[in-house]
Structure formats: C-alpha cells, structure tokens
C-alpha cells in the first residue's frame, strides 16, 4: 500500500487515496486480510490527523470483519479503548 510512508512524508491526500484504492480492490477480490490491514491503516491515519469520527467508522468496520473471521489481532486495540468490548467477546 505505501500509505503510511506517504502520510509521514506529509501527503495525506495521496495516503488516503492509496488506502481507498487498496480497500476497494481487497473487497472486490474478497481478500479479508488485506481489507483488515487497509482499515487498520486508515484508522491510524484518521486518529493521528484528528478525525475521530472517521477513525471510529473504519475501526468499527475492521472490528466487525475481524470478529466475522474469528480473528483477534484487530480486536485488541478496540478492547484497549473500550473494556466492555472484551466482555462482549467472552
């Protein structure tokens, strides 16, 4: 994807464009892991750029996808922000 290096270099628009492109392709090709990684990157960039609404939106999408796949790697950050999320999983 290369979105994070673009964002670090100060090119937020290109970083988001790259993530959006990767996300669309991942969804089209049913590549769940790539979709999760794209959502995770977009969430991180949104948080760092002070856009909590967008971060929550994409973070929830990633969390739902992670839950549907039975994976836990994307759940862990959500549980840190909302301990009740951990209780919901048990």
PDB file of N, CA and C in Angstrom:
ATOM      1  N   UNK A   1       0.827  -1.199   0.000  1.00  0.00           N
ATOM      2  CA  UNK A   1       0.000   0.000   0.000  1.00  0.00           C
ATOM      3  C   UNK A   1       0.864   1.252   0.000  1.00  0.00           C
ATOM      4  N   UNK A   2       1.812   1.344   0.912  1.00  0.00           N
ATOM      5  CA  UNK A   2       2.675   2.509   0.972  1.00  0.00           C
ATOM      6  C   UNK A   2       2.011   3.744   1.540  1.00  0.00           C
ATOM      7  N   UNK A   3       0.854   3.590   2.164  1.00  0.00           N
ATOM      8  CA  UNK A   3       0.107   4.743   2.657  1.00  0.00           C
ATOM      9  C   UNK A   3       0.792   5.418   3.840  1.00  0.00           C
ATOM     10  N   UNK A   4       1.296   4.634   4.756  1.00  0.00           N
ATOM     11  CA  UNK A   4       1.903   5.214   5.959  1.00  0.00           C
ATOM     12  C   UNK A   4       3.134   6.054   5.598  1.00  0.00           C
ATOM     13  N   UNK A   5       4.054   5.559   4.748  1.00  0.00           N
ATOM     14  CA  UNK A   5       5.179   6.421   4.365  1.00  0.00           C
ATOM     15  C   UNK A   5       4.725   7.708   3.667  1.00  0.00           C
ATOM     16  N   UNK A   6       3.691   7.622   2.840  1.00  0.00           N
ATOM     17  CA  UNK A   6       3.187   8.838   2.179  1.00  0.00           C
ATOM     18  C   UNK A   6       2.639   9.817   3.212  1.00  0.00           C
ATOM     19  N   UNK A   7       1.921   9.275   4.186  1.00  0.00           N
ATOM     20  CA  UNK A   7       1.358  10.126   5.234  1.00  0.00           C
ATOM     21  C   UNK A   7       2.475  10.765   6.052  1.00  0.00           C
ATOM     22  N   UNK A   8       3.495   9.981   6.401  1.00  0.00           N
ATOM     23  CA  UNK A   8       4.626  10.512   7.171  1.00  0.00           C
ATOM     24  C   UNK A   8       5.335  11.610   6.391  1.00  0.00           C
ATOM     25  N   UNK A   9       5.397  11.448   5.067  1.00  0.00           N
ATOM     26  CA  UNK A   9       6.011  12.469   4.221  1.00  0.00           C
ATOM     27  C   UNK A   9       5.137  13.709   4.058  1.00  0.00           C
ATOM     28  N   UNK A  10       3.935  13.675   4.626  1.00  0.00           N
ATOM     29  CA  UNK A  10       3.062  14.834   4.597  1.00  0.00           C
ATOM     30  C   UNK A  10       2.040  14.835   3.478  1.00  0.00           C
ATOM     31  N   UNK A  11       1.934  13.758   2.744  1.00  0.00           N
ATOM     32  CA  UNK A  11       0.977  13.693   1.637  1.00  0.00           C
ATOM     33  C   UNK A  11      -0.260  12.898   2.060  1.00  0.00           C
ATOM     34  N   UNK A  12      -1.065  13.520   2.910  1.00  0.00           N
ATOM     35  CA  UNK A  12      -2.256  12.871   3.454  1.00  0.00           C
ATOM     36  C   UNK A  12      -3.223  12.456   2.359  1.00  0.00           C
ATOM     37  N   UNK A  13      -3.453  13.323   1.385  1.00  0.00           N
ATOM     38  CA  UNK A  13      -4.410  13.024   0.323  1.00  0.00           C
ATOM     39  C   UNK A  13      -4.003  11.776  -0.460  1.00  0.00           C
ATOM     40  N   UNK A  14      -2.722  11.671  -0.797  1.00  0.00           N
ATOM     41  CA  UNK A  14      -2.247  10.502  -1.551  1.00  0.00           C
ATOM     42  C   UNK A  14      -2.274   9.246  -0.687  1.00  0.00           C
ATOM     43  N   UNK A  15      -1.979   9.392   0.596  1.00  0.00           N
ATOM     44  CA  UNK A  15      -2.039   8.243   1.506  1.00  0.00           C
ATOM     45  C   UNK A  15      -3.455   7.685   1.576  1.00  0.00           C
ATOM     46  N   UNK A  16      -4.417   8.556   1.743  1.00  0.00           N
ATOM     47  CA  UNK A  16      -5.815   8.121   1.826  1.00  0.00           C
ATOM     48  C   UNK A  16      -6.280   7.559   0.489  1.00  0.00           C
ATOM     49  N   UNK A  17      -5.871   8.184  -0.593  1.00  0.00           N
ATOM     50  CA  UNK A  17      -6.231   7.686  -1.923  1.00  0.00           C
ATOM     51  C   UNK A  17      -5.693   6.266  -2.134  1.00  0.00           C
ATOM     52  N   UNK A  18      -4.466   6.031  -1.708  1.00  0.00           N
ATOM     53  CA  UNK A  18      -3.860   4.706  -1.825  1.00  0.00           C
ATOM     54  C   UNK A  18      -4.586   3.667  -0.984  1.00  0.00           C
ATOM     55  N   UNK A  19      -4.956   4.051   0.237  1.00  0.00           N
ATOM     56  CA  UNK A  19      -5.686   3.126   1.105  1.00  0.00           C
ATOM     57  C   UNK A  19      -7.063   2.833   0.527  1.00  0.00           C
ATOM     58  N   UNK A  20      -7.751   3.871   0.077  1.00  0.00           N
ATOM     59  CA  UNK A  20      -9.080   3.665  -0.508  1.00  0.00           C
ATOM     60  C   UNK A  20      -9.022   2.735  -1.713  1.00  0.00           C
ATOM     61  N   UNK A  21      -7.991   2.883  -2.522  1.00  0.00           N
ATOM     62  CA  UNK A  21      -7.812   2.021  -3.686  1.00  0.00           C
ATOM     63  C   UNK A  21      -7.561   0.574  -3.259  1.00  0.00           C
ATOM     64  N   UNK A  22      -6.672   0.392  -2.291  1.00  0.00           N
ATOM     65  CA  UNK A  22      -6.374  -0.952  -1.793  1.00  0.00           C
ATOM     66  C   UNK A  22      -7.602  -1.582  -1.152  1.00  0.00           C
ATOM     67  N   UNK A  23      -8.367  -0.777  -0.445  1.00  0.00           N
ATOM     68  CA  UNK A  23      -9.582  -1.264   0.218  1.00  0.00           C
ATOM     69  C   UNK A  23     -10.611  -1.725  -0.808  1.00  0.00           C
ATOM     70  N   UNK A  24     -10.816  -0.928  -1.842  1.00  0.00           N
ATOM     71  CA  UNK A  24     -11.777  -1.301  -2.884  1.00  0.00           C
ATOM     72  C   UNK A  24     -11.354  -2.587  -3.582  1.00  0.00           C
ATOM     73  N   UNK A  25     -10.076  -2.706  -3.894  1.00  0.00           N
ATOM     74  CA  UNK A  25      -9.577  -3.903  -4.557  1.00  0.00           C
ATOM     75  C   UNK A  25      -9.681  -5.131  -3.649  1.00  0.00           C
ATOM     76  N   UNK A  26      -9.348  -4.959  -2.380  1.00  0.00           N
ATOM     77  CA  UNK A  26      -9.445  -6.069  -1.423  1.00  0.00           C
ATOM     78  C   UNK A  26     -10.879  -6.560  -1.304  1.00  0.00           C
ATOM     79  N   UNK A  27     -11.818  -5.635  -1.276  1.00  0.00           N
ATOM     80  CA  UNK A  27     -13.228  -6.032  -1.181  1.00  0.00           C
ATOM     81  C   UNK A  27     -13.688  -6.716  -2.461  1.00  0.00           C
ATOM     82  N   UNK A  28     -13.263  -6.208  -3.597  1.00  0.00           N
ATOM     83  CA  UNK A  28     -13.626  -6.798  -4.876  1.00  0.00           C
ATOM     84  C   UNK A  28     -13.091  -8.225  -5.001  1.00  0.00           C
ATOM     85  N   UNK A  29     -11.874  -8.429  -4.518  1.00  0.00           N
ATOM     86  CA  UNK A  29     -11.228  -9.735  -4.649  1.00  0.00           C
ATOM     87  C   UNK A  29     -11.457 -10.638  -3.430  1.00  0.00           C
ATOM     88  N   UNK A  30     -12.220 -10.149  -2.462  1.00  0.00           N
ATOM     89  CA  UNK A  30     -12.522 -10.907  -1.235  1.00  0.00           C
ATOM     90  C   UNK A  30     -11.238 -11.293  -0.490  1.00  0.00           C
ATOM     91  N   UNK A  31     -10.351 -10.320  -0.345  1.00  0.00           N
ATOM     92  CA  UNK A  31      -9.091 -10.514   0.383  1.00  0.00           C
ATOM     93  C   UNK A  31      -9.245  -9.897   1.770  1.00  0.00           C
ATOM     94  N   UNK A  32      -9.820 -10.679   2.674  1.00  0.00           N
ATOM     95  CA  UNK A  32     -10.151 -10.173   4.005  1.00  0.00           C
ATOM     96  C   UNK A  32      -8.971  -9.623   4.777  1.00  0.00           C
ATOM     97  N   UNK A  33      -7.831 -10.286   4.714  1.00  0.00           N
ATOM     98  CA  UNK A  33      -6.670  -9.817   5.472  1.00  0.00           C
ATOM     99  C   UNK A  33      -6.176  -8.471   4.940  1.00  0.00           C
ATOM    100  N   UNK A  34      -6.180  -8.302   3.640  1.00  0.00           N
ATOM    101  CA  UNK A  34      -5.768  -7.021   3.052  1.00  0.00           C
ATOM    102  C   UNK A  34      -6.771  -5.937   3.432  1.00  0.00           C
ATOM    103  N   UNK A  35      -8.055  -6.288   3.424  1.00  0.00           N
ATOM    104  CA  UNK A  35      -9.081  -5.329   3.831  1.00  0.00           C
ATOM    105  C   UNK A  35      -8.866  -4.896   5.281  1.00  0.00           C
ATOM    106  N   UNK A  36      -8.574  -5.854   6.159  1.00  0.00           N
ATOM    107  CA  UNK A  36      -8.310  -5.526   7.561  1.00  0.00           C
ATOM    108  C   UNK A  36      -7.110  -4.597   7.697  1.00  0.00           C
ATOM    109  N   UNK A  37      -6.055  -4.885   6.960  1.00  0.00           N
ATOM    110  CA  UNK A  37      -4.860  -4.051   7.048  1.00  0.00           C
ATOM    111  C   UNK A  37      -5.119  -2.640   6.523  1.00  0.00           C
ATOM    112  N   UNK A  38      -5.894  -2.521   5.469  1.00  0.00           N
ATOM    113  CA  UNK A  38      -6.231  -1.206   4.927  1.00  0.00           C
ATOM    114  C   UNK A  38      -7.085  -0.417   5.918  1.00  0.00           C
ATOM    115  N   UNK A  39      -8.060  -1.084   6.519  1.00  0.00           N
ATOM    116  CA  UNK A  39      -8.910  -0.420   7.510  1.00  0.00           C
ATOM    117  C   UNK A  39      -8.085   0.010   8.720  1.00  0.00           C
ATOM    118  N   UNK A  40      -7.155  -0.831   9.136  1.00  0.00           N
ATOM    119  CA  UNK A  40      -6.293  -0.511  10.267  1.00  0.00           C
ATOM    120  C   UNK A  40      -5.435   0.717   9.963  1.00  0.00           C
ATOM    121  N   UNK A  41      -4.857   0.761   8.765  1.00  0.00           N
ATOM    122  CA  UNK A  41      -4.024   1.907   8.378  1.00  0.00           C
ATOM    123  C   UNK A  41      -4.854   3.184   8.303  1.00  0.00           C
ATOM    124  N   UNK A  42      -6.042   3.085   7.728  1.00  0.00           N
ATOM    125  CA  UNK A  42      -6.908   4.257   7.614  1.00  0.00           C
ATOM    126  C   UNK A  42      -7.354   4.745   8.993  1.00  0.00           C
ATOM    127  N   UNK A  43      -7.616   3.816   9.894  1.00  0.00           N
ATOM    128  CA  UNK A  43      -7.991   4.179  11.256  1.00  0.00           C
ATOM    129  C   UNK A  43      -6.844   4.917  11.947  1.00  0.00           C
ATOM    130  N   UNK A  44      -5.645   4.385  11.826  1.00  0.00           N
ATOM    131  CA  UNK A  44      -4.483   5.014  12.463  1.00  0.00           C
ATOM    132  C   UNK A  44      -4.233   6.413  11.914  1.00  0.00           C
ATOM    133  N   UNK A  45      -4.312   6.571  10.610  1.00  0.00           N
ATOM    134  CA  UNK A  45      -4.101   7.879   9.999  1.00  0.00           C
ATOM    135  C   UNK A  45      -5.195   8.856  10.439  1.00  0.00           C
ATOM    136  N   UNK A  46      -6.414   8.380  10.521  1.00  0.00           N
ATOM    137  CA  UNK A  46      -7.528   9.243  10.938  1.00  0.00           C
ATOM    138  C   UNK A  46      -7.345   9.725  12.378  1.00  0.00           C
ATOM    139  N   UNK A  47      -6.907   8.815  13.254  1.00  0.00           N
ATOM    140  CA  UNK A  47      -6.656   9.197  14.649  1.00  0.00           C
ATOM    141  C   UNK A  47      -5.546  10.249  14.707  1.00  0.00           C
ATOM    142  N   UNK A  48      -4.456   9.980  14.016  1.00  0.00           N
ATOM    143  CA  UNK A  48      -3.304  10.887  14.054  1.00  0.00           C
ATOM    144  C   UNK A  48      -3.622  12.256  13.463  1.00  0.00           C
ATOM    145  N   UNK A  49      -4.569  12.316  12.540  1.00  0.00           N
ATOM    146  CA  UNK A  49      -4.924  13.588  11.921  1.00  0.00           C
ATOM    147  C   UNK A  49      -6.127  14.253  12.571  1.00  0.00           C
ATOM    148  N   UNK A  50      -6.527  13.753  13.726  1.00  0.00           N
ATOM    149  CA  UNK A  50      -7.592  14.404  14.479  1.00  0.00           C
ATOM    150  C   UNK A  50      -8.971  14.232  13.884  1.00  0.00           C
ATOM    151  N   UNK A  51      -9.232  13.102  13.274  1.00  0.00           N
ATOM    152  CA  UNK A  51     -10.549  12.815  12.708  1.00  0.00           C
ATOM    153  C   UNK A  51     -11.143  11.593  13.411  1.00  0.00           C
ATOM    154  N   UNK A  52     -11.571  11.774  14.668  1.00  0.00           N
ATOM    155  CA  UNK A  52     -12.049  10.623  15.431  1.00  0.00           C
ATOM    156  C   UNK A  52     -13.298   9.975  14.848  1.00  0.00           C
ATOM    157  N   UNK A  53     -14.157  10.751  14.211  1.00  0.00           N
ATOM    158  CA  UNK A  53     -15.368  10.162  13.628  1.00  0.00           C
ATOM    159  C   UNK A  53     -15.026   9.164  12.533  1.00  0.00           C
ATOM    160  N   UNK A  54     -14.092   9.523  11.664  1.00  0.00           N
ATOM    161  CA  UNK A  54     -13.665   8.618  10.593  1.00  0.00           C
ATOM    162  C   UNK A  54     -12.936   7.414  11.185  1.00  0.00           C
ATOM    163  N   UNK A  55     -12.110   7.664  12.206  1.00  0.00           N
ATOM    164  CA  UNK A  55     -11.386   6.568  12.849  1.00  0.00           C
ATOM    165  C   UNK A  55     -12.360   5.553  13.456  1.00  0.00           C
ATOM    166  N   UNK A  56     -13.389   6.042  14.099  1.00  0.00           N
ATOM    167  CA  UNK A  56     -14.392   5.149  14.690  1.00  0.00           C
ATOM    168  C   UNK A  56     -15.127   4.390  13.597  1.00  0.00           C
ATOM    169  N   UNK A  57     -15.500   5.080  12.543  1.00  0.00           N
ATOM    170  CA  UNK A  57     -16.226   4.441  11.435  1.00  0.00           C
ATOM    171  C   UNK A  57     -15.428   3.283  10.838  1.00  0.00           C
ATOM    172  N   UNK A  58     -14.191   3.540  10.455  1.00  0.00           N
ATOM    173  CA  UNK A  58     -13.405   2.474   9.826  1.00  0.00           C
ATOM    174  C   UNK A  58     -12.926   1.455  10.851  1.00  0.00           C
ATOM    175  N   UNK A  59     -12.691   1.901  12.069  1.00  0.00           N
ATOM    176  CA  UNK A  59     -12.304   0.969  13.127  1.00  0.00           C
ATOM    177  C   UNK A  59     -13.407  -0.037  13.414  1.00  0.00           C
ATOM    178  N   UNK A  60     -14.642   0.429  13.421  1.00  0.00           N
ATOM    179  CA  UNK A  60     -15.775  -0.477  13.629  1.00  0.00           C
ATOM    180  C   UNK A  60     -15.924  -1.457  12.470  1.00  0.00           C
ATOM    181  N   UNK A  61     -15.675  -0.988  11.255  1.00  0.00           N
ATOM    182  CA  UNK A  61     -15.719  -1.897  10.102  1.00  0.00           C
ATOM    183  C   UNK A  61     -14.666  -2.989  10.249  1.00  0.00           C
ATOM    184  N   UNK A  62     -13.473  -2.596  10.638  1.00  0.00           N
ATOM    185  CA  UNK A  62     -12.393  -3.556  10.824  1.00  0.00           C
ATOM    186  C   UNK A  62     -12.681  -4.522  11.956  1.00  0.00           C
ATOM    187  N   UNK A  63     -13.233  -4.007  13.036  1.00  0.00           N
ATOM    188  CA  UNK A  63     -13.560  -4.856  14.172  1.00  0.00           C
ATOM    189  C   UNK A  63     -14.622  -5.886  13.789  1.00  0.00           C
ATOM    190  N   UNK A  64     -15.628  -5.456  13.055  1.00  0.00           N
ATOM    191  CA  UNK A  64     -16.683  -6.366  12.624  1.00  0.00           C
ATOM    192  C   UNK A  64     -16.107  -7.450  11.697  1.00  0.00           C
ATOM    193  N   UNK A  65     -15.270  -7.042  10.766  1.00  0.00           N
ATOM    194  CA  UNK A  65     -14.657  -8.004   9.857  1.00  0.00           C
ATOM    195  C   UNK A  65     -13.773  -8.990  10.624  1.00  0.00           C
ATOM    196  N   UNK A  66     -13.032  -8.476  11.584  1.00  0.00           N
ATOM    197  CA  UNK A  66     -12.172  -9.322  12.397  1.00  0.00           C
ATOM    198  C   UNK A  66     -12.996 -10.334  13.187  1.00  0.00           C
ATOM    199  N   UNK A  67     -14.071  -9.881  13.777  1.00  0.00           N
ATOM    200  CA  UNK A  67     -14.955 -10.778  14.528  1.00  0.00           C
ATOM    201  C   UNK A  67     -15.547 -11.839  13.610  1.00  0.00           C
ATOM    202  N   UNK A  68     -16.023 -11.420  12.444  1.00  0.00           N
ATOM    203  CA  UNK A  68     -16.629 -12.362  11.492  1.00  0.00           C
ATOM    204  C   UNK A  68     -15.640 -13.442  11.063  1.00  0.00           C
ATOM    205  N   UNK A  69     -14.375 -13.078  11.000  1.00  0.00           N
ATOM    206  CA  UNK A  69     -13.344 -14.030  10.576  1.00  0.00           C
ATOM    207  C   UNK A  69     -12.801 -14.849  11.742  1.00  0.00           C
ATOM    208  N   UNK A  70     -13.236 -14.516  12.957  1.00  0.00           N
ATOM    209  CA  UNK A  70     -12.749 -15.238  14.126  1.00  0.00           C
ATOM    210  C   UNK A  70     -11.334 -14.865  14.519  1.00  0.00           C
ATOM    211  N   UNK A  71     -10.878 -13.702  14.067  1.00  0.00           N
ATOM    212  CA  UNK A  71      -9.517 -13.252  14.356  1.00  0.00           C
ATOM    213  C   UNK A  71      -9.533 -12.296  15.533  1.00  0.00           C
ATOM    214  N   UNK A  72      -8.391 -12.173  16.187  1.00  0.00           N
ATOM    215  CA  UNK A  72      -8.326 -11.294  17.348  1.00  0.00           C
ATOM    216  C   UNK A  72      -7.367 -10.126  17.183  1.00  0.00           C
ATOM    217  N   UNK A  73      -6.531 -10.115  16.148  1.00  0.00           N
ATOM    218  CA  UNK A  73      -5.481  -9.089  16.090  1.00  0.00           C
ATOM    219  C   UNK A  73      -6.028  -7.680  16.017  1.00  0.00           C
ATOM    220  N   UNK A  74      -7.154  -7.475  15.351  1.00  0.00           N
ATOM    221  CA  UNK A  74      -7.705  -6.132  15.274  1.00  0.00           C
ATOM    222  C   UNK A  74      -8.605  -5.826  16.469  1.00  0.00           C
ATOM    223  N   UNK A  75      -9.004  -6.858  17.209  1.00  0.00           N
ATOM    224  CA  UNK A  75      -9.852  -6.644  18.375  1.00  0.00           C
ATOM    225  C   UNK A  75      -9.079  -6.030  19.520  1.00  0.00           C
ATOM    226  N   UNK A  76      -7.805  -6.340  19.638  1.00  0.00           N
ATOM    227  CA  UNK A  76      -7.043  -5.917  20.802  1.00  0.00           C
ATOM    228  C   UNK A  76      -7.041  -4.398  20.976  1.00  0.00           C
ATOM    229  N   UNK A  77      -6.757  -3.578  19.938  1.00  0.00           N
ATOM    230  CA  UNK A  77      -6.815  -2.120  20.140  1.00  0.00           C
ATOM    231  C   UNK A  77      -8.201  -1.644  20.558  1.00  0.00           C
ATOM    232  N   UNK A  78      -9.259  -2.251  20.020  1.00  0.00           N
ATOM    233  CA  UNK A  78     -10.617  -1.849  20.386  1.00  0.00           C
ATOM    234  C   UNK A  78     -10.868  -2.131  21.856  1.00  0.00           C
ATOM    235  N   UNK A  79     -10.346  -3.245  22.351  1.00  0.00           N
ATOM    236  CA  UNK A  79     -10.541  -3.597  23.745  1.00  0.00           C
ATOM    237  C   UNK A  79      -9.797  -2.626  24.668  1.00  0.00           C
ATOM    238  N   UNK A  80      -8.691  -2.081  24.191  1.00  0.00           N
ATOM    239  CA  UNK A  80      -7.962  -1.111  24.999  1.00  0.00           C
ATOM    240  C   UNK A  80      -8.759   0.168  25.169  1.00  0.00           C
ATOM    241  N   UNK A  81      -9.507   0.553  24.122  1.00  0.00           N
ATOM    242  CA  UNK A  81     -10.312   1.766  24.195  1.00  0.00           C
ATOM    243  C   UNK A  81     -11.637   1.525  24.909  1.00  0.00           C
ATOM    244  N   UNK A  82     -12.159   0.314  24.824  1.00  0.00           N
ATOM    245  CA  UNK A  82     -13.462   0.009  25.391  1.00  0.00           C
ATOM    246  C   UNK A  82     -13.434  -1.365  26.042  1.00  0.00           C
ATOM    247  N   UNK A  83     -13.135  -1.415  27.342  1.00  0.00           N
ATOM    248  CA  UNK A  83     -13.054  -2.708  28.018  1.00  0.00           C
ATOM    249  C   UNK A  83     -14.348  -3.521  27.942  1.00  0.00           C
ATOM    250  N   UNK A  84     -15.480  -2.870  27.746  1.00  0.00           N
ATOM    251  CA  UNK A  84     -16.734  -3.621  27.634  1.00  0.00           C
ATOM    252  C   UNK A  84     -16.732  -4.487  26.376  1.00  0.00           C
ATOM    253  N   UNK A  85     -15.912  -4.103  25.397  1.00  0.00           N
ATOM    254  CA  UNK A  85     -15.801  -4.904  24.169  1.00  0.00           C
ATOM    255  C   UNK A  85     -15.210  -6.270  24.503  1.00  0.00           C
ATOM    256  N   UNK A  86     -14.254  -6.291  25.409  1.00  0.00           N
ATOM    257  CA  UNK A  86     -13.662  -7.559  25.821  1.00  0.00           C
ATOM    258  C   UNK A  86     -14.718  -8.440  26.468  1.00  0.00           C
ATOM    259  N   UNK A  87     -15.562  -7.861  27.299  1.00  0.00           N
ATOM    260  CA  UNK A  87     -16.610  -8.626  27.965  1.00  0.00           C
ATOM    261  C   UNK A  87     -17.583  -9.215  26.957  1.00  0.00           C
ATOM    262  N   UNK A  88     -17.843  -8.499  25.883  1.00  0.00           N
ATOM    263  CA  UNK A  88     -18.777  -8.963  24.854  1.00  0.00           C
ATOM    264  C   UNK A  88     -18.246 -10.198  24.133  1.00  0.00           C
ATOM    265  N   UNK A  89     -16.926 -10.358  24.128  1.00  0.00           N
ATOM    266  CA  UNK A  89     -16.319 -11.499  23.436  1.00  0.00           C
ATOM    267  C   UNK A  89     -16.283 -12.754  24.292  1.00  0.00           C
ATOM    268  N   UNK A  90     -16.444 -12.602  25.581  1.00  0.00           N
ATOM    269  CA  UNK A  90     -16.311 -13.765  26.473  1.00  0.00           C
ATOM    270  C   UNK A  90     -17.623 -14.420  26.741  1.00  0.00           C
TER     271      UNK A  90
END
